[in-house]
Amino acid sequence: METIQISENLKAHFLRLYQLAICDDNFSSLELKMLYKFAEERGVTSKNLDEILLKPIDSKNIIPQELEEKIDYLYDLTVMIWADEQIDDNERSALEKYIKLFGFVEENATAIADYFLEAIQSGKSKYEIINELQN
């Protein structure tokens, strides 16, 4: 069996997704399925994801550096929020916290969160969002 190397950055991303999923006190099966879907899309097995969640790393200081990666991760976080088609204050606050953590200007955090939430709700793909934000 081939062992996949998972970067610390990706591990931190999965931990953030998990934290976001549980922050509203309503951890649904939809959110759990979404978490495993994100792992599968990145070539991470269910077993590897289980290990990441059971043996978490300190993800505070592991921040994506490239704009495309930041957008990619914010997209996933927003999809996780919208998985149950409800957005509560804790989820919204967490999204804005991650926007600031990823180095975006604090004054723009609300507008960026609004943009991502509206884009996800209207069905925009990750690639459409990346193209819009990079141009």
Protein backbone atom coordinates (compact mmCIF):
# COMPACT_ATOMS: atom_id res chain seq x y z
CA MET A 1 0.00 0.00 0.00
CA GLU A 2 1.36 3.40 -0.99
CA THR A 3 1.83 5.96 1.76
CA ILE A 4 0.84 9.48 0.85
CA GLN A 5 2.79 12.43 2.21
CA ILE A 6 0.36 15.02 3.54
CA SER A 7 1.75 18.51 3.99
CA GLU A 8 1.40 20.28 7.32
CA ASN A 9 -0.54 22.97 5.46
CA LEU A 10 -3.11 20.45 4.24
CA LYS A 11 -3.37 18.85 7.68
CA ALA A 12 -4.04 22.30 9.14
CA HIS A 13 -6.72 22.86 6.48
CA PHE A 14 -8.55 19.66 7.43
CA LEU A 15 -8.39 20.59 11.10
CA ARG A 16 -9.85 24.03 10.32
CA LEU A 17 -12.64 22.40 8.33
CA TYR A 18 -13.40 20.10 11.25
CA GLN A 19 -13.34 23.00 13.73
CA LEU A 20 -15.72 24.94 11.52
CA ALA A 21 -18.06 21.99 11.22
CA ILE A 22 -18.40 21.62 14.99
CA CYS A 23 -18.48 25.30 15.91
CA ASP A 24 -22.26 25.61 15.51
CA ASP A 25 -23.11 22.79 17.97
CA ASN A 26 -24.89 21.00 15.11
CA PHE A 27 -22.32 18.69 13.56
CA SER A 28 -24.36 17.03 10.84
CA SER A 29 -23.67 13.96 8.76
CA LEU A 30 -23.63 16.30 5.72
CA GLU A 31 -20.65 18.15 7.19
CA LEU A 32 -18.84 14.90 7.98
CA LYS A 33 -19.43 13.64 4.42
CA MET A 34 -18.17 16.97 3.08
CA LEU A 35 -14.98 16.66 5.13
CA TYR A 36 -14.24 13.21 3.72
CA LYS A 37 -15.12 14.40 0.20
CA PHE A 38 -12.56 17.22 0.50
CA ALA A 39 -9.98 14.66 1.62
CA GLU A 40 -10.76 12.35 -1.29
CA GLU A 41 -10.47 15.25 -3.77
CA ARG A 42 -6.93 15.82 -2.51
CA GLY A 43 -5.90 12.18 -2.58
CA VAL A 44 -6.13 11.75 1.20
CA THR A 45 -7.62 8.44 2.33
CA SER A 46 -10.29 8.14 5.01
CA LYS A 47 -7.70 6.44 7.22
CA ASN A 48 -5.26 9.33 6.76
CA LEU A 49 -7.98 11.86 7.56
CA ASP A 50 -8.93 9.90 10.69
CA GLU A 51 -5.29 10.06 11.81
CA ILE A 52 -5.16 13.81 11.22
CA LEU A 53 -8.30 14.35 13.29
CA LEU A 54 -7.23 11.99 16.07
CA LYS A 55 -3.67 13.36 16.30
CA PRO A 56 -4.05 17.06 15.52
CA ILE A 57 -1.12 19.37 14.94
CA ASP A 58 -0.93 23.00 16.05
CA SER A 59 -2.49 24.66 13.03
CA LYS A 60 -2.36 28.28 14.23
CA ASN A 61 0.98 29.04 12.63
CA ILE A 62 0.43 27.06 9.45
CA ILE A 63 -1.10 29.47 6.98
CA PRO A 64 -1.41 29.17 3.20
CA GLN A 65 0.93 31.57 1.45
CA GLU A 66 -0.23 31.66 -2.18
CA LEU A 67 -3.40 33.59 -3.07
CA GLU A 68 -4.85 30.67 -5.02
CA GLU A 69 -4.36 28.33 -2.06
CA LYS A 70 -6.00 30.86 0.29
CA ILE A 71 -8.99 31.14 -2.04
CA ASP A 72 -9.10 27.33 -2.38
CA TYR A 73 -9.17 26.86 1.39
CA LEU A 74 -11.70 29.67 1.98
CA TYR A 75 -13.92 28.07 -0.65
CA ASP A 76 -13.82 24.75 1.22
CA LEU A 77 -14.52 26.45 4.53
CA THR A 78 -17.51 28.25 3.04
CA VAL A 79 -18.86 25.06 1.46
CA MET A 80 -18.57 23.42 4.88
CA ILE A 81 -20.58 26.25 6.44
CA TRP A 82 -23.27 25.94 3.77
CA ALA A 83 -23.41 22.09 3.88
CA ASP A 84 -26.55 22.18 6.05
CA GLU A 85 -27.86 25.27 4.22
CA GLN A 86 -27.82 27.26 7.45
CA ILE A 87 -25.30 29.85 8.56
CA ASP A 88 -25.13 30.70 12.22
CA ASP A 89 -23.19 33.49 13.92
CA ASN A 90 -20.41 31.15 15.12
CA GLU A 91 -19.77 29.84 11.62
CA ARG A 92 -19.82 33.35 10.16
CA SER A 93 -17.44 34.59 12.84
CA ALA A 94 -15.08 31.64 12.26
CA LEU A 95 -15.01 32.30 8.51
CA GLU A 96 -14.08 35.94 9.11
CA LYS A 97 -11.41 34.83 11.59
CA TYR A 98 -9.84 32.57 8.95
CA ILE A 99 -10.00 35.34 6.35
CA LYS A 100 -7.98 37.58 8.69
CA LEU A 101 -5.65 34.70 9.65
CA PHE A 102 -4.90 34.14 5.95
CA GLY A 103 -3.60 37.71 5.73
CA PHE A 104 -6.48 39.59 4.17
CA VAL A 105 -7.05 43.14 5.39
CA GLU A 106 -9.20 43.07 8.52
CA GLU A 107 -11.52 45.81 7.24
CA ASN A 108 -12.32 43.64 4.21
CA ALA A 109 -13.09 40.45 6.14
CA THR A 110 -16.86 40.99 6.23
CA ALA A 111 -17.05 41.81 2.52
CA ILE A 112 -14.88 38.80 1.62
CA ALA A 113 -17.06 36.52 3.78
CA ASP A 114 -20.18 37.95 2.11
CA TYR A 115 -18.67 37.32 -1.30
CA PHE A 116 -17.80 33.68 -0.55
CA LEU A 117 -21.15 32.94 1.07
CA GLU A 118 -23.09 34.48 -1.82
CA ALA A 119 -20.90 32.70 -4.38
CA ILE A 120 -21.42 29.30 -2.75
CA GLN A 121 -25.15 29.83 -2.36
CA SER A 122 -25.45 30.79 -6.04
CA GLY A 123 -23.51 27.69 -7.10
CA LYS A 124 -20.24 29.22 -8.31
CA SER A 125 -17.41 26.75 -8.66
CA LYS A 126 -14.07 27.08 -6.95
CA TYR A 127 -12.45 27.82 -10.31
CA GLU A 128 -14.92 30.59 -11.14
CA ILE A 129 -14.17 32.22 -7.80
CA ILE A 130 -10.40 31.88 -8.24
CA ASN A 131 -10.64 33.46 -11.71
CA GLU A 132 -12.81 36.32 -10.45
CA LEU A 133 -10.57 37.11 -7.49
CA GLN A 134 -7.29 36.87 -9.36
CA ASN A 135 -8.40 39.22 -12.15
